[in-house]
Amino acid sequence: MSELAELSARLRAFAAARNWEPFHTPKNLAMALAGEAGEVVAELQWLSDAEITEGLAEGPLKQRLADEAADVFLYLMQLANASGIDLLAAAHAKMDRNEQRFPA
């Protein structure tokens, strides 16, 4: 089992143990994903590029950003699962289309 498949199974078990599955509809997960993406923006919103570089090097900002990025990733995985989307296959297919649309 790949690491992504293991994480997906862990997410499903986490939700099942808390009886959250009824709430994990594509619409609800998409809204949660958007909210978490907003939290990523909020961490960086009023900082200059120099402040971001410094904050990422020193640690506290990096940890907060990692937590929010992980939330986005986890909700995206759950949305893909709830929608029957193979996220890795979809990402590779999208990259194939992007390479055609935007040649080097």
Protein backbone atom coordinates (compact mmCIF):
# COMPACT_ATOMS: atom_id res chain seq x y z
CA MET A 1 0.00 0.00 0.00
CA SER A 2 1.38 3.42 -0.94
CA GLU A 3 1.83 6.16 1.64
CA LEU A 4 -1.04 8.07 0.02
CA ALA A 5 -3.32 5.03 0.24
CA GLU A 6 -2.32 4.51 3.88
CA LEU A 7 -3.10 8.14 4.70
CA SER A 8 -6.43 7.89 2.89
CA ALA A 9 -7.33 4.79 4.91
CA ARG A 10 -6.28 6.57 8.11
CA LEU A 11 -8.52 9.54 7.21
CA ARG A 12 -11.49 7.25 6.55
CA ALA A 13 -10.94 5.44 9.86
CA PHE A 14 -10.63 8.76 11.72
CA ALA A 15 -13.95 9.99 10.29
CA ALA A 16 -15.67 6.65 10.87
CA ALA A 17 -14.58 6.52 14.52
CA ARG A 18 -16.29 9.87 15.07
CA ASN A 19 -19.37 9.10 12.92
CA TRP A 20 -18.54 12.02 10.63
CA GLU A 21 -19.18 10.21 7.33
CA PRO A 22 -22.73 11.62 6.91
CA PHE A 23 -21.24 15.11 6.94
CA HIS A 24 -18.41 14.33 4.52
CA THR A 25 -20.33 15.09 1.35
CA PRO A 26 -18.53 16.61 -1.64
CA LYS A 27 -20.18 19.99 -1.00
CA ASN A 28 -19.30 20.07 2.70
CA LEU A 29 -15.74 18.93 2.06
CA ALA A 30 -15.30 21.53 -0.70
CA MET A 31 -16.47 24.26 1.68
CA ALA A 32 -14.13 23.01 4.40
CA LEU A 33 -11.28 22.91 1.88
CA ALA A 34 -11.96 26.52 0.87
CA GLY A 35 -11.96 27.58 4.51
CA GLU A 36 -8.64 25.88 5.15
CA ALA A 37 -7.13 27.47 2.02
CA GLY A 38 -8.21 30.80 3.49
CA GLU A 39 -6.29 29.96 6.65
CA VAL A 40 -3.16 29.43 4.53
CA VAL A 41 -3.67 32.89 3.06
CA ALA A 42 -4.28 34.38 6.51
CA GLU A 43 -0.85 33.19 7.68
CA LEU A 44 0.86 35.15 4.88
CA GLN A 45 -1.59 37.93 4.09
CA TRP A 46 0.06 40.96 5.66
CA LEU A 47 3.68 39.84 5.54
CA SER A 48 6.28 41.03 3.05
CA ASP A 49 8.20 38.46 1.03
CA ALA A 50 11.22 39.14 3.26
CA GLU A 51 9.16 38.55 6.41
CA ILE A 52 7.85 35.30 4.97
CA THR A 53 11.36 34.12 4.09
CA GLU A 54 12.56 34.99 7.59
CA GLY A 55 9.53 33.42 9.26
CA LEU A 56 9.93 30.20 7.32
CA ALA A 57 13.60 29.97 8.26
CA GLU A 58 13.00 30.60 11.97
CA GLY A 59 10.29 28.00 12.46
CA PRO A 60 7.06 29.34 13.98
CA LEU A 61 5.60 30.51 10.67
CA LYS A 62 6.80 27.35 8.98
CA GLN A 63 4.98 25.18 11.55
CA ARG A 64 1.75 27.19 11.28
CA LEU A 65 1.92 27.10 7.49
CA ALA A 66 2.67 23.35 7.55
CA ASP A 67 -0.39 22.76 9.76
CA GLU A 68 -2.66 24.75 7.43
CA ALA A 69 -1.18 23.16 4.30
CA ALA A 70 -1.76 19.75 5.86
CA ASP A 71 -5.39 20.66 6.55
CA VAL A 72 -5.82 21.66 2.88
CA PHE A 73 -4.19 18.43 1.75
CA LEU A 74 -6.31 16.28 4.05
CA TYR A 75 -9.57 17.92 3.00
CA LEU A 76 -8.58 17.63 -0.67
CA MET A 77 -7.93 13.92 -0.18
CA GLN A 78 -11.30 13.50 1.51
CA LEU A 79 -13.06 15.45 -1.25
CA ALA A 80 -11.41 13.30 -3.91
CA ASN A 81 -12.38 10.14 -2.03
CA ALA A 82 -15.98 11.26 -1.56
CA SER A 83 -16.16 12.15 -5.27
CA GLY A 84 -14.58 8.94 -6.57
CA ILE A 85 -11.53 10.78 -7.93
CA ASP A 86 -8.10 9.17 -8.09
CA LEU A 87 -6.18 12.28 -7.10
CA LEU A 88 -2.79 11.15 -8.39
CA ALA A 89 -4.22 10.06 -11.75
CA ALA A 90 -6.15 13.33 -12.03
CA ALA A 91 -3.01 15.35 -11.21
CA HIS A 92 -0.96 13.49 -13.83
CA ALA A 93 -3.72 13.95 -16.42
CA LYS A 94 -3.90 17.67 -15.61
CA MET A 95 -0.13 18.01 -15.98
CA ASP A 96 -0.34 16.24 -19.36
CA ARG A 97 -2.96 18.78 -20.49
CA ASN A 98 -0.92 21.69 -19.09
CA GLU A 99 2.17 20.53 -20.98
CA GLN A 100 0.13 20.57 -24.18
CA ARG A 101 -1.46 23.97 -23.47
CA PHE A 102 1.77 25.64 -22.34
CA PRO A 103 4.70 24.21 -24.31
CA ALA A 104 8.21 25.12 -23.17
